Amino acid sequence: MNRPRFLLALDQGTSSSRSIVFDTRGRIVSVAQREFRQIFPQPGWVEHDPQEIWTSQLITAREALAKAGIGAAEVAAIGITNQRETTLAACRTSPMLCYNHRH
């Protein structure tokens, strides 16, 4: 079996999710990006749907791997970067996540 030869970077930003496949020399092999909805409940506030973030990140990872023509077994490591000011609360009485105060 061959050793994994690629790195996958998952970049979860303020307005989009991006996945980048690198080779072992640090060269970009493929990129996929998808924006997600911005929710503005009042001036100066922005919220996101955590399910949209998860889904968009998963889609871009799969798309980047497909564009590179590789499978997950060929990925040696995954790097993750995200928007640091994000908070997500879990509900005490339900397995659902608490988000978007209008829900």
Foldseek 3Di string as FASTA:
>chain_A
DDAQFWEWEWEAEDFKIKIFIAGPVRHTQFMDMDGADWDDPDPPDTFGDVVRSVVRRVVNRVVRCVSSVHDPRNHPYYHYDYDVVDDWAADPVDRDTDTDVVD
